[in-house]
Each structure stands twice: as C-alpha cells, then as structure tokens.
N, C-alpha and C. Protein backbone atom coordinates (compact mmCIF):
# COMPACT_ATOMS: atom_id res chain seq x y z
N MET A 1 0.84 -1.16 0.00
CA MET A 1 0.00 0.00 0.00
C MET A 1 0.89 1.24 0.00
N ASP A 2 0.61 2.15 -0.88
CA ASP A 2 1.42 3.36 -0.99
C ASP A 2 1.03 4.36 0.08
N ALA A 3 2.01 5.13 0.48
CA ALA A 3 1.75 6.20 1.44
C ALA A 3 1.01 7.33 0.74
N PRO A 4 0.12 8.01 1.46
CA PRO A 4 -0.62 9.12 0.82
C PRO A 4 0.34 10.21 0.38
N ARG A 5 0.06 10.75 -0.79
CA ARG A 5 0.92 11.80 -1.33
C ARG A 5 0.60 13.12 -0.64
N ALA A 6 1.60 13.84 -0.37
CA ALA A 6 1.42 15.16 0.23
C ALA A 6 1.06 16.15 -0.87
N ILE A 7 0.15 17.04 -0.57
CA ILE A 7 -0.21 18.08 -1.53
C ILE A 7 0.90 19.12 -1.52
N PRO A 8 1.40 19.47 -2.70
CA PRO A 8 2.47 20.47 -2.74
C PRO A 8 2.01 21.79 -2.12
N GLN A 9 2.93 22.49 -1.53
CA GLN A 9 2.65 23.75 -0.83
C GLN A 9 1.98 24.77 -1.77
N ARG A 10 2.42 24.80 -3.01
CA ARG A 10 1.87 25.75 -3.97
C ARG A 10 0.38 25.49 -4.21
N ASP A 11 -0.03 24.21 -4.31
CA ASP A 11 -1.43 23.87 -4.53
C ASP A 11 -2.28 24.19 -3.30
N GLN A 12 -1.72 24.03 -2.11
CA GLN A 12 -2.44 24.39 -0.90
C GLN A 12 -2.70 25.89 -0.84
N ALA A 13 -1.71 26.67 -1.20
CA ALA A 13 -1.88 28.12 -1.19
C ALA A 13 -2.90 28.56 -2.22
N ALA A 14 -2.90 27.94 -3.39
CA ALA A 14 -3.87 28.29 -4.44
C ALA A 14 -5.28 27.92 -4.00
N ALA A 15 -5.44 26.75 -3.37
CA ALA A 15 -6.77 26.35 -2.91
C ALA A 15 -7.27 27.30 -1.82
N TRP A 16 -6.42 27.67 -0.89
CA TRP A 16 -6.81 28.59 0.17
C TRP A 16 -7.15 29.96 -0.41
N HIS A 17 -6.34 30.42 -1.35
CA HIS A 17 -6.54 31.73 -1.95
C HIS A 17 -7.87 31.78 -2.70
N SER A 18 -8.19 30.76 -3.47
CA SER A 18 -9.43 30.79 -4.23
C SER A 18 -10.63 30.70 -3.30
N TRP A 19 -10.57 29.95 -2.21
CA TRP A 19 -11.69 29.90 -1.27
C TRP A 19 -11.84 31.23 -0.57
N CYS A 20 -10.73 31.80 -0.15
CA CYS A 20 -10.77 33.06 0.59
C CYS A 20 -11.33 34.18 -0.29
N MET A 21 -10.91 34.24 -1.53
CA MET A 21 -11.40 35.29 -2.42
C MET A 21 -12.88 35.10 -2.71
N GLY A 22 -13.35 33.86 -2.79
CA GLY A 22 -14.78 33.61 -2.98
C GLY A 22 -15.57 34.08 -1.78
N ALA A 23 -15.03 33.87 -0.59
CA ALA A 23 -15.71 34.32 0.62
C ALA A 23 -15.73 35.85 0.70
N VAL A 24 -14.62 36.48 0.34
CA VAL A 24 -14.56 37.93 0.34
C VAL A 24 -15.55 38.51 -0.67
N PHE A 25 -15.63 37.90 -1.85
CA PHE A 25 -16.59 38.37 -2.85
C PHE A 25 -18.01 38.19 -2.35
N GLY A 26 -18.28 37.09 -1.66
CA GLY A 26 -19.61 36.87 -1.09
C GLY A 26 -19.98 37.91 -0.06
N ILE A 27 -19.01 38.30 0.77
CA ILE A 27 -19.27 39.33 1.78
C ILE A 27 -19.53 40.67 1.12
N VAL A 28 -18.73 41.02 0.12
CA VAL A 28 -18.93 42.28 -0.60
C VAL A 28 -20.28 42.29 -1.30
N ALA A 29 -20.65 41.18 -1.92
CA ALA A 29 -21.95 41.09 -2.60
C ALA A 29 -23.09 41.23 -1.60
N ALA A 30 -22.96 40.61 -0.43
CA ALA A 30 -24.01 40.71 0.58
C ALA A 30 -24.13 42.14 1.11
N VAL A 31 -23.01 42.84 1.28
CA VAL A 31 -23.07 44.23 1.75
C VAL A 31 -23.74 45.12 0.71
N ILE A 32 -23.39 44.94 -0.55
CA ILE A 32 -24.01 45.74 -1.61
C ILE A 32 -25.50 45.42 -1.70
N ALA A 33 -25.87 44.15 -1.57
CA ALA A 33 -27.28 43.76 -1.59
C ALA A 33 -28.02 44.36 -0.40
N LEU A 34 -27.38 44.39 0.75
CA LEU A 34 -28.01 44.98 1.93
C LEU A 34 -28.20 46.48 1.76
N VAL A 35 -27.25 47.15 1.17
CA VAL A 35 -27.39 48.59 0.91
C VAL A 35 -28.53 48.84 -0.07
N GLY A 36 -28.64 48.01 -1.10
CA GLY A 36 -29.74 48.13 -2.05
C GLY A 36 -31.08 47.95 -1.37
N LEU A 37 -31.17 47.00 -0.44
CA LEU A 37 -32.42 46.79 0.29
C LEU A 37 -32.73 47.96 1.20
N VAL A 38 -31.73 48.52 1.85
CA VAL A 38 -31.94 49.67 2.73
C VAL A 38 -32.45 50.88 1.94
N VAL A 39 -31.89 51.10 0.76
CA VAL A 39 -32.33 52.21 -0.09
C VAL A 39 -33.78 51.99 -0.52
N ALA A 40 -34.11 50.77 -0.92
CA ALA A 40 -35.48 50.47 -1.34
C ALA A 40 -36.46 50.64 -0.18
N LEU A 41 -36.06 50.21 1.00
CA LEU A 41 -36.93 50.40 2.17
C LEU A 41 -37.01 51.87 2.57
N GLY A 42 -35.97 52.63 2.30
CA GLY A 42 -36.02 54.07 2.53
C GLY A 42 -37.06 54.74 1.65
N HIS A 43 -37.17 54.28 0.42
CA HIS A 43 -38.19 54.81 -0.49
C HIS A 43 -39.59 54.47 0.04
N VAL A 44 -39.76 53.25 0.53
CA VAL A 44 -41.05 52.85 1.11
C VAL A 44 -41.37 53.73 2.31
N GLY A 45 -40.39 53.94 3.17
CA GLY A 45 -40.61 54.78 4.36
C GLY A 45 -40.93 56.22 4.01
N TYR A 46 -40.26 56.76 3.00
CA TYR A 46 -40.53 58.14 2.60
C TYR A 46 -41.94 58.27 2.06
N LEU A 47 -42.37 57.30 1.27
CA LEU A 47 -43.75 57.34 0.76
C LEU A 47 -44.75 57.21 1.90
N ALA A 48 -44.44 56.40 2.90
CA ALA A 48 -45.34 56.27 4.05
C ALA A 48 -45.45 57.58 4.80
N LEU A 49 -44.34 58.26 5.03
CA LEU A 49 -44.37 59.55 5.71
C LEU A 49 -45.10 60.61 4.89
N LEU A 50 -44.84 60.62 3.59
CA LEU A 50 -45.48 61.59 2.72
C LEU A 50 -46.99 61.36 2.65
N GLY A 51 -47.39 60.11 2.56
CA GLY A 51 -48.82 59.79 2.54
C GLY A 51 -49.50 60.12 3.84
N ASN A 52 -48.83 59.89 4.96
CA ASN A 52 -49.40 60.23 6.26
C ASN A 52 -49.60 61.74 6.40
N ALA A 53 -48.60 62.50 5.98
CA ALA A 53 -48.71 63.96 6.06
C ALA A 53 -49.81 64.47 5.13
N ALA A 54 -49.96 63.86 3.97
CA ALA A 54 -51.00 64.29 3.03
C ALA A 54 -52.39 63.97 3.57
N ARG A 55 -52.56 62.83 4.23
CA ARG A 55 -53.86 62.48 4.81
C ARG A 55 -54.22 63.42 5.95
N LYS A 56 -53.22 63.86 6.70
CA LYS A 56 -53.50 64.80 7.79
C LYS A 56 -53.95 66.15 7.28
N ARG A 57 -53.53 66.52 6.07
CA ARG A 57 -53.93 67.81 5.48
C ARG A 57 -55.35 67.77 4.95
N GLY A 58 -55.91 66.60 4.83
CA GLY A 58 -57.29 66.48 4.38
C GLY A 58 -57.41 66.65 2.88
N ILE A 59 -58.38 67.46 2.47
CA ILE A 59 -58.68 67.62 1.05
C ILE A 59 -57.54 68.33 0.31
N SER A 60 -56.80 69.16 0.99
CA SER A 60 -55.70 69.86 0.32
C SER A 60 -54.52 68.93 0.00
N GLY A 61 -54.47 67.78 0.61
CA GLY A 61 -53.41 66.82 0.32
C GLY A 61 -53.86 65.73 -0.64
N GLY A 62 -54.97 65.95 -1.32
CA GLY A 62 -55.54 64.93 -2.20
C GLY A 62 -54.64 64.54 -3.35
N THR A 63 -54.03 65.52 -4.01
CA THR A 63 -53.17 65.18 -5.15
C THR A 63 -51.91 64.43 -4.69
N THR A 64 -51.42 64.82 -3.52
CA THR A 64 -50.24 64.11 -2.98
C THR A 64 -50.61 62.68 -2.63
N THR A 65 -51.78 62.49 -2.05
CA THR A 65 -52.24 61.14 -1.70
C THR A 65 -52.39 60.29 -2.95
N ASP A 66 -52.94 60.86 -4.01
CA ASP A 66 -53.09 60.12 -5.27
C ASP A 66 -51.72 59.73 -5.83
N TYR A 67 -50.78 60.66 -5.77
CA TYR A 67 -49.43 60.37 -6.27
C TYR A 67 -48.78 59.25 -5.46
N VAL A 68 -48.89 59.33 -4.14
CA VAL A 68 -48.29 58.31 -3.27
C VAL A 68 -48.93 56.95 -3.52
N ASN A 69 -50.23 56.92 -3.68
CA ASN A 69 -50.91 55.65 -3.94
C ASN A 69 -50.46 55.04 -5.26
N GLY A 70 -50.12 55.85 -6.23
CA GLY A 70 -49.61 55.34 -7.49
C GLY A 70 -48.17 54.86 -7.44
N ARG A 71 -47.42 55.31 -6.47
CA ARG A 71 -46.00 54.95 -6.36
C ARG A 71 -45.74 53.74 -5.46
N TRP A 72 -46.76 53.23 -4.78
CA TRP A 72 -46.56 52.10 -3.88
C TRP A 72 -46.08 50.86 -4.63
N LYS A 73 -46.56 50.66 -5.85
CA LYS A 73 -46.15 49.47 -6.60
C LYS A 73 -44.66 49.52 -6.93
N VAL A 74 -44.18 50.70 -7.29
CA VAL A 74 -42.75 50.85 -7.60
C VAL A 74 -41.91 50.61 -6.35
N ALA A 75 -42.32 51.21 -5.25
CA ALA A 75 -41.55 51.08 -4.00
C ALA A 75 -41.57 49.64 -3.49
N GLY A 76 -42.74 49.02 -3.50
CA GLY A 76 -42.83 47.63 -3.05
C GLY A 76 -42.09 46.68 -3.97
N GLY A 77 -42.16 46.94 -5.26
CA GLY A 77 -41.46 46.08 -6.22
C GLY A 77 -39.95 46.15 -6.07
N THR A 78 -39.43 47.35 -5.90
CA THR A 78 -37.98 47.47 -5.75
C THR A 78 -37.53 46.85 -4.42
N ALA A 79 -38.34 46.98 -3.38
CA ALA A 79 -37.97 46.36 -2.10
C ALA A 79 -37.99 44.84 -2.21
N ALA A 80 -38.98 44.29 -2.90
CA ALA A 80 -39.06 42.84 -3.06
C ALA A 80 -37.91 42.31 -3.91
N VAL A 81 -37.57 43.02 -4.98
CA VAL A 81 -36.46 42.58 -5.83
C VAL A 81 -35.14 42.68 -5.08
N ALA A 82 -34.97 43.74 -4.30
CA ALA A 82 -33.74 43.87 -3.50
C ALA A 82 -33.64 42.77 -2.45
N LEU A 83 -34.77 42.39 -1.86
CA LEU A 83 -34.76 41.29 -0.89
C LEU A 83 -34.41 39.98 -1.57
N LEU A 84 -34.93 39.76 -2.76
CA LEU A 84 -34.58 38.56 -3.52
C LEU A 84 -33.08 38.52 -3.80
N GLY A 85 -32.52 39.65 -4.20
CA GLY A 85 -31.08 39.70 -4.45
C GLY A 85 -30.28 39.42 -3.20
N LEU A 86 -30.73 39.93 -2.06
CA LEU A 86 -30.03 39.66 -0.80
C LEU A 86 -30.11 38.18 -0.45
N LEU A 87 -31.25 37.56 -0.69
CA LEU A 87 -31.38 36.13 -0.42
C LEU A 87 -30.49 35.30 -1.34
N LEU A 88 -30.31 35.75 -2.58
CA LEU A 88 -29.43 35.03 -3.49
C LEU A 88 -27.97 35.08 -3.04
N THR A 89 -27.58 36.14 -2.39
CA THR A 89 -26.18 36.25 -1.95
C THR A 89 -25.90 35.42 -0.71
N SER A 90 -26.92 34.82 -0.11
CA SER A 90 -26.69 34.06 1.12
C SER A 90 -26.17 32.65 0.86
N GLY A 91 -26.08 32.24 -0.39
CA GLY A 91 -25.59 30.90 -0.70
C GLY A 91 -24.07 30.84 -0.78
N ASP A 92 -23.57 29.66 -1.13
CA ASP A 92 -22.13 29.45 -1.23
C ASP A 92 -21.58 29.67 -2.64
N SER A 93 -22.46 29.83 -3.60
CA SER A 93 -22.04 29.92 -4.99
C SER A 93 -21.66 31.35 -5.36
N THR A 94 -20.52 31.49 -6.01
CA THR A 94 -20.10 32.81 -6.48
C THR A 94 -21.02 33.30 -7.59
N ALA A 95 -21.53 32.38 -8.39
CA ALA A 95 -22.45 32.78 -9.47
C ALA A 95 -23.71 33.41 -8.90
N PHE A 96 -24.26 32.82 -7.84
CA PHE A 96 -25.45 33.40 -7.21
C PHE A 96 -25.11 34.74 -6.54
N ASP A 97 -23.88 34.85 -6.02
CA ASP A 97 -23.46 36.12 -5.45
C ASP A 97 -23.46 37.22 -6.50
N VAL A 98 -22.97 36.91 -7.69
CA VAL A 98 -22.94 37.89 -8.77
C VAL A 98 -24.36 38.28 -9.19
N VAL A 99 -25.22 37.28 -9.35
CA VAL A 99 -26.61 37.56 -9.75
C VAL A 99 -27.32 38.36 -8.67
N GLY A 100 -27.14 37.98 -7.41
CA GLY A 100 -27.77 38.72 -6.32
C GLY A 100 -27.26 40.14 -6.20
N LEU A 101 -25.96 40.31 -6.42
CA LEU A 101 -25.37 41.66 -6.39
C LEU A 101 -25.98 42.52 -7.49
N LEU A 102 -26.07 41.99 -8.70
CA LEU A 102 -26.63 42.76 -9.81
C LEU A 102 -28.11 43.07 -9.61
N ILE A 103 -28.86 42.09 -9.12
CA ILE A 103 -30.29 42.30 -8.93
C ILE A 103 -30.56 43.33 -7.84
N SER A 104 -29.97 43.13 -6.68
CA SER A 104 -30.26 44.05 -5.58
C SER A 104 -29.59 45.40 -5.77
N GLY A 105 -28.43 45.42 -6.39
CA GLY A 105 -27.80 46.71 -6.70
C GLY A 105 -28.62 47.50 -7.69
N GLY A 106 -29.15 46.83 -8.72
CA GLY A 106 -30.01 47.50 -9.68
C GLY A 106 -31.30 47.98 -9.06
N ALA A 107 -31.88 47.17 -8.18
CA ALA A 107 -33.11 47.59 -7.50
C ALA A 107 -32.84 48.79 -6.60
N GLY A 108 -31.69 48.79 -5.93
CA GLY A 108 -31.34 49.93 -5.09
C GLY A 108 -31.13 51.20 -5.89
N LEU A 109 -30.48 51.07 -7.04
CA LEU A 109 -30.29 52.24 -7.90
C LEU A 109 -31.61 52.78 -8.42
N TYR A 110 -32.50 51.88 -8.82
CA TYR A 110 -33.80 52.32 -9.32
C TYR A 110 -34.62 52.94 -8.19
N ALA A 111 -34.55 52.37 -6.99
CA ALA A 111 -35.27 52.95 -5.85
C ALA A 111 -34.72 54.33 -5.50
N LYS A 112 -33.41 54.50 -5.59
CA LYS A 112 -32.81 55.82 -5.33
C LYS A 112 -33.29 56.83 -6.35
N GLN A 113 -33.34 56.44 -7.62
CA GLN A 113 -33.82 57.33 -8.66
C GLN A 113 -35.29 57.69 -8.43
N ALA A 114 -36.11 56.71 -8.05
CA ALA A 114 -37.53 56.99 -7.78
C ALA A 114 -37.69 57.87 -6.55
N LEU A 115 -36.87 57.65 -5.53
CA LEU A 115 -36.92 58.48 -4.33
C LEU A 115 -36.53 59.92 -4.64
N ASP A 116 -35.48 60.10 -5.43
CA ASP A 116 -35.07 61.45 -5.82
C ASP A 116 -36.15 62.14 -6.64
N SER A 117 -36.81 61.39 -7.50
CA SER A 117 -37.89 61.96 -8.30
C SER A 117 -39.04 62.41 -7.41
N THR A 118 -39.40 61.60 -6.44
CA THR A 118 -40.48 61.96 -5.52
C THR A 118 -40.09 63.16 -4.67
N ARG A 119 -38.87 63.16 -4.18
CA ARG A 119 -38.42 64.28 -3.34
C ARG A 119 -38.38 65.57 -4.12
N SER A 120 -37.92 65.53 -5.36
CA SER A 120 -37.85 66.76 -6.14
C SER A 120 -39.24 67.28 -6.50
N ARG A 121 -40.20 66.40 -6.63
CA ARG A 121 -41.57 66.82 -6.94
C ARG A 121 -42.20 67.55 -5.77
N PHE A 122 -41.94 67.11 -4.56
CA PHE A 122 -42.59 67.68 -3.38
C PHE A 122 -41.66 68.52 -2.52
N ARG A 123 -40.53 68.90 -3.02
CA ARG A 123 -39.61 69.73 -2.26
C ARG A 123 -40.18 71.13 -2.15
N SER A 124 -40.24 71.64 -0.95
CA SER A 124 -40.71 73.01 -0.76
C SER A 124 -39.50 73.88 -0.43
N LEU A 125 -39.27 74.85 -1.25
CA LEU A 125 -38.14 75.75 -1.05
C LEU A 125 -38.54 76.87 -0.10
N PRO A 126 -37.65 77.25 0.79
CA PRO A 126 -38.00 78.32 1.75
C PRO A 126 -38.11 79.68 1.10
C-alpha cells in the first residue's frame, strides 16, 4: 500500500486563496445587496411619511395622496427585488453572489432614482 501523497505547498496556497477570495466576494456582494435593500426600504418609508402627512392635510393633500398611492407598486417592487437579491447572496455559490449583487444593486439604484424623483416633486423651497 502506498503512502498518501502530500499536496504540494503551492497547490495548498492556491486552494486557500481561491476559497478566501470567494468568501470575500460573497461578503462584498451581501453588503451591496443589503445597501440596495436599505435604499429600497427608505423609499417605502418616505412614501409612508409623505402619505401620512398628506392624509393629515385632508382635502388639500388629495393630489399628494393620489401620487403616493400610485408609487406604492414601484416602491414595493424594488424592495421585493432587492430582498430577492439579498437572499441570493446568502448561498455558497459565487455565481449566485454575482446575480444577487446585480439584482439588488439594480433595484437599489432604481429605488434611489424613484426616491429622488419623488423628493424633487414635493420639495418646498424656503
């Protein structure tokens, strides 16, 4: 019976390096996905605050209420897509990390654009 062959030092370093870099990429993808989710939830929160303030104004806040009610689908959709991207990054596969990063990052960017659009529409200058 032959003695087990030792793995050369160079191959051990390459195996460790490739695993470590995959883990680092997974962490970076998860952080970007989490930021995308936070931005999307920020858009949801801003619409909730804006809708609450418009309802308190009564009839004078009617157009704002109509606008907010029309934007709920965009805000909820971007939050759901960002959550899906975050869930994809929780696996061990680098391919899923890339897909999750792109999905949640894109949802976060779109939510930021929609939030900026809403804020610029209702910004009151002093």
